C-alpha atoms as a PDB file:
ATOM      1  CA  MET A   1     196.734  65.581-253.641  1.00  0.00           C
ATOM      2  CA  PRO A   2     198.966  68.082-253.142  1.00  0.00           C
ATOM      3  CA  LEU A   3     201.187  68.777-249.932  1.00  0.00           C
ATOM      4  CA  SER A   4     201.128  71.181-248.124  1.00  0.00           C
ATOM      5  CA  SER A   5     205.068  72.870-247.561  1.00  0.00           C
ATOM      6  CA  ALA A   6     205.459  71.965-244.028  1.00  0.00           C
ATOM      7  CA  GLU A   7     204.458  68.068-245.018  1.00  0.00           C
ATOM      8  CA  GLU A   8     206.029  68.218-248.496  1.00  0.00           C
ATOM      9  CA  GLN A   9     209.096  69.162-245.663  1.00  0.00           C
ATOM     10  CA  LEU A  10     208.043  65.831-243.800  1.00  0.00           C
ATOM     11  CA  MET A  11     207.879  63.419-246.820  1.00  0.00           C
ATOM     12  CA  HIS A  12     211.167  64.622-247.802  1.00  0.00           C
ATOM     13  CA  HIS A  13     212.884  63.256-245.378  1.00  0.00           C
ATOM     14  CA  LEU A  14     210.739  59.972-245.442  1.00  0.00           C
ATOM     15  CA  TRP A  15     211.677  59.565-248.756  1.00  0.00           C
ATOM     16  CA  LYS A  16     215.433  60.127-247.666  1.00  0.00           C
ATOM     17  CA  LEU A  17     214.663  57.396-244.871  1.00  0.00           C
ATOM     18  CA  LYS A  18     212.496  55.103-246.640  1.00  0.00           C
ATOM     19  CA  ARG A  19     210.981  53.888-243.037  1.00  0.00           C
ATOM     20  CA  ALA A  20     210.843  55.541-239.947  1.00  0.00           C
ATOM     21  CA  TYR A  21     208.897  55.377-236.700  1.00  0.00           C
ATOM     22  CA  LEU A  22     207.864  58.970-235.294  1.00  0.00           C
ATOM     23  CA  LYS A  23     210.847  59.398-233.343  1.00  0.00           C
ATOM     24  CA  GLU A  24     213.071  58.952-236.549  1.00  0.00           C
ATOM     25  CA  LEU A  25     211.589  61.167-238.391  1.00  0.00           C
ATOM     26  CA  ILE A  26     211.832  63.713-235.700  1.00  0.00           C
ATOM     27  CA  ALA A  27     215.156  62.836-235.379  1.00  0.00           C
ATOM     28  CA  ALA A  28     215.645  63.438-239.281  1.00  0.00           C
ATOM     29  CA  ILE A  29     214.561  67.391-239.653  1.00  0.00           C
ATOM     30  CA  PRO A  30     217.300  70.040-238.715  1.00  0.00           C
ATOM     31  CA  ALA A  31     216.621  72.582-235.658  1.00  0.00           C
ATOM     32  CA  PRO A  32     214.561  74.378-234.622  1.00  0.00           C
ATOM     33  CA  LYS A  33     212.235  70.622-234.164  1.00  0.00           C
ATOM     34  CA  PRO A  34     208.893  71.168-234.456  1.00  0.00           C
ATOM     35  CA  ALA A  35     206.904  69.916-231.280  1.00  0.00           C
ATOM     36  CA  LYS A  36     206.219  65.657-231.471  1.00  0.00           C
ATOM     37  CA  THR A  37     202.480  66.277-231.831  1.00  0.00           C
ATOM     38  CA  THR A  38     202.738  68.994-234.342  1.00  0.00           C
ATOM     39  CA  VAL A  39     204.956  65.619-236.557  1.00  0.00           C
ATOM     40  CA  ALA A  40     202.176  63.797-235.495  1.00  0.00           C
ATOM     41  CA  THR A  41     199.430  65.703-237.122  1.00  0.00           C
ATOM     42  CA  LEU A  42     201.372  65.829-240.405  1.00  0.00           C
ATOM     43  CA  LEU A  43     201.763  61.934-240.850  1.00  0.00           C
ATOM     44  CA  LYS A  44     198.106  61.414-240.554  1.00  0.00           C
ATOM     45  CA  ARG A  45     197.068  64.284-243.010  1.00  0.00           C
ATOM     46  CA  MET A  46     199.172  63.120-245.124  1.00  0.00           C
ATOM     47  CA  ILE A  47     197.884  59.696-244.563  1.00  0.00           C
ATOM     48  CA  ASP A  48     194.385  60.663-245.252  1.00  0.00           C
ATOM     49  CA  LYS A  49     195.537  62.309-248.244  1.00  0.00           C
ATOM     50  CA  GLY A  50     196.872  58.836-249.399  1.00  0.00           C
ATOM     51  CA  MET A  51     200.905  60.026-249.623  1.00  0.00           C
ATOM     52  CA  VAL A  52     202.015  57.530-246.392  1.00  0.00           C
ATOM     53  CA  GLY A  53     201.228  54.449-244.970  1.00  0.00           C
ATOM     54  CA  TYR A  54     202.392  52.726-242.052  1.00  0.00           C
ATOM     55  CA  ASP A  55     202.303  48.883-240.348  1.00  0.00           C
ATOM     56  CA  LEU A  56     201.667  48.634-236.682  1.00  0.00           C
ATOM     57  CA  HIS A  57     204.719  46.599-234.915  1.00  0.00           C
ATOM     58  CA  GLY A  58     203.951  47.197-230.969  1.00  0.00           C
ATOM     59  CA  ASN A  59     202.410  49.978-230.217  1.00  0.00           C
ATOM     60  CA  SER A  60     204.094  51.786-232.759  1.00  0.00           C
ATOM     61  CA  ARG A  61     203.845  52.682-235.993  1.00  0.00           C
ATOM     62  CA  GLN A  62     206.413  52.861-238.779  1.00  0.00           C
ATOM     63  CA  TYR A  63     206.012  55.505-241.696  1.00  0.00           C
ATOM     64  CA  TYR A  64     206.489  54.866-245.509  1.00  0.00           C
ATOM     65  CA  PRO A  65     206.173  56.434-248.794  1.00  0.00           C
ATOM     66  CA  LYS A  66     202.803  55.140-250.296  1.00  0.00           C
ATOM     67  CA  VAL A  67     204.074  57.585-253.805  1.00  0.00           C
ATOM     68  CA  SER A  68     207.664  57.928-255.020  1.00  0.00           C
ATOM     69  CA  LYS A  69     209.274  61.412-254.770  1.00  0.00           C
ATOM     70  CA  GLN A  70     209.506  60.933-258.762  1.00  0.00           C
ATOM     71  CA  SER A  71     206.044  59.821-259.155  1.00  0.00           C
ATOM     72  CA  TYR A  72     204.729  63.361-256.852  1.00  0.00           C
ATOM     73  CA  PHE A  73     207.602  65.481-258.708  1.00  0.00           C
ATOM     74  CA  ALA A  74     206.064  64.747-262.114  1.00  0.00           C
ATOM     75  CA  LYS A  75     202.010  65.555-260.662  1.00  0.00           C
ATOM     76  CA  LYS A  76     203.782  68.845-259.318  1.00  0.00           C
ATOM     77  CA  LEU A  77     205.629  69.582-262.442  1.00  0.00           C
ATOM     78  CA  LYS A  78     202.511  69.140-264.907  1.00  0.00           C
ATOM     79  CA  GLY A  79     200.611  71.070-262.415  1.00  0.00           C
ATOM     80  CA  MET A  80     203.516  74.430-262.924  1.00  0.00           C
ATOM     81  CA  ILE A  81     203.317  74.082-266.417  1.00  0.00           C
ATOM     82  CA  ASP A  82     199.549  73.553-266.402  1.00  0.00           C
ATOM     83  CA  SER A  83     198.825  76.619-264.760  1.00  0.00           C
ATOM     84  CA  TYR A  84     202.286  79.004-264.599  1.00  0.00           C
ATOM     85  CA  PHE A  85     202.907  77.833-268.956  1.00  0.00           C
ATOM     86  CA  ASP A  86     199.497  77.508-269.802  1.00  0.00           C
ATOM     87  CA  ALA A  87     199.993  74.135-270.609  1.00  0.00           C
ATOM     88  CA  SER A  88     202.639  73.959-273.085  1.00  0.00           C
ATOM     89  CA  PRO A  89     205.517  71.637-271.924  1.00  0.00           C
ATOM     90  CA  GLY A  90     207.608  73.788-274.452  1.00  0.00           C
ATOM     91  CA  ALA A  91     206.760  77.069-273.400  1.00  0.00           C
ATOM     92  CA  PHE A  92     208.046  75.564-270.310  1.00  0.00           C
ATOM     93  CA  ALA A  93     211.561  73.977-271.970  1.00  0.00           C
ATOM     94  CA  SER A  94     212.093  77.603-273.265  1.00  0.00           C
ATOM     95  CA  TYR A  95     211.744  79.270-270.046  1.00  0.00           C
ATOM     96  CA  PHE A  96     214.310  76.735-268.443  1.00  0.00           C
ATOM     97  CA  ALA A  97     217.036  76.682-270.854  1.00  0.00           C
ATOM     98  CA  GLU A  98     216.955  80.943-270.792  1.00  0.00           C
ATOM     99  CA  SER A  99     216.333  81.248-267.381  1.00  0.00           C
ATOM    100  CA  THR A 100     218.896  78.536-265.753  1.00  0.00           C
ATOM    101  CA  LYS A 101     221.717  79.982-267.688  1.00  0.00           C
ATOM    102  CA  LEU A 102     222.735  76.529-268.878  1.00  0.00           C
ATOM    103  CA  ASN A 103     226.002  76.162-270.119  1.00  0.00           C
ATOM    104  CA  LYS A 104     227.258  74.226-273.369  1.00  0.00           C
ATOM    105  CA  ALA A 105     227.814  71.462-271.880  1.00  0.00           C
ATOM    106  CA  GLN A 106     224.179  71.365-270.253  1.00  0.00           C
ATOM    107  CA  LEU A 107     222.716  72.470-272.924  1.00  0.00           C
ATOM    108  CA  GLN A 108     224.151  69.421-275.373  1.00  0.00           C
ATOM    109  CA  GLU A 109     222.977  66.820-272.479  1.00  0.00           C
ATOM    110  CA  LEU A 110     219.731  67.782-273.022  1.00  0.00           C
ATOM    111  CA  GLN A 111     219.714  68.458-276.401  1.00  0.00           C
ATOM    112  CA  ASP A 112     220.686  64.728-276.720  1.00  0.00           C
ATOM    113  CA  ILE A 113     217.408  63.624-274.280  1.00  0.00           C
ATOM    114  CA  ILE A 114     215.421  65.550-276.656  1.00  0.00           C
ATOM    115  CA  ASN A 115     216.910  63.354-279.168  1.00  0.00           C
ATOM    116  CA  ARG A 116     217.313  60.082-278.243  1.00  0.00           C
ATOM    117  CA  LYS A 117     213.369  60.884-276.900  1.00  0.00           C
ATOM    118  CA  LEU A 118     212.703  61.863-280.774  1.00  0.00           C
ATOM    119  CA  GLU A 119     214.343  58.672-281.973  1.00  0.00           C
ATOM    120  CA  GLU A 120     212.272  57.054-279.276  1.00  0.00           C
ATOM    121  CA  GLU A 121     209.071  58.179-280.985  1.00  0.00           C
END
């Protein structure tokens, strides 16, 4: 299930911290800091979406990501490719190579990755 922009920003902090209490998450957010209730609401929604879990320590909850950053990004990228590039990874790769203004070394690195994948097949 996709995250809202605010949820995604909070998730980035949680991925970085790996485990965190509410106070630690709020401390990791740059100013202006959101209200404690706002962060708690975002966490509740993220728990409901299956993205975040928690362990109880007394009356406090220690939150942790249930989905890795890599897994989330892979699904998000697949959704973008499906939506914006007619489900064509080749069209995305072409757009990426053309629009990002890669230098020769970066293009060579990309070609090396493609050649390794071809050899694996």
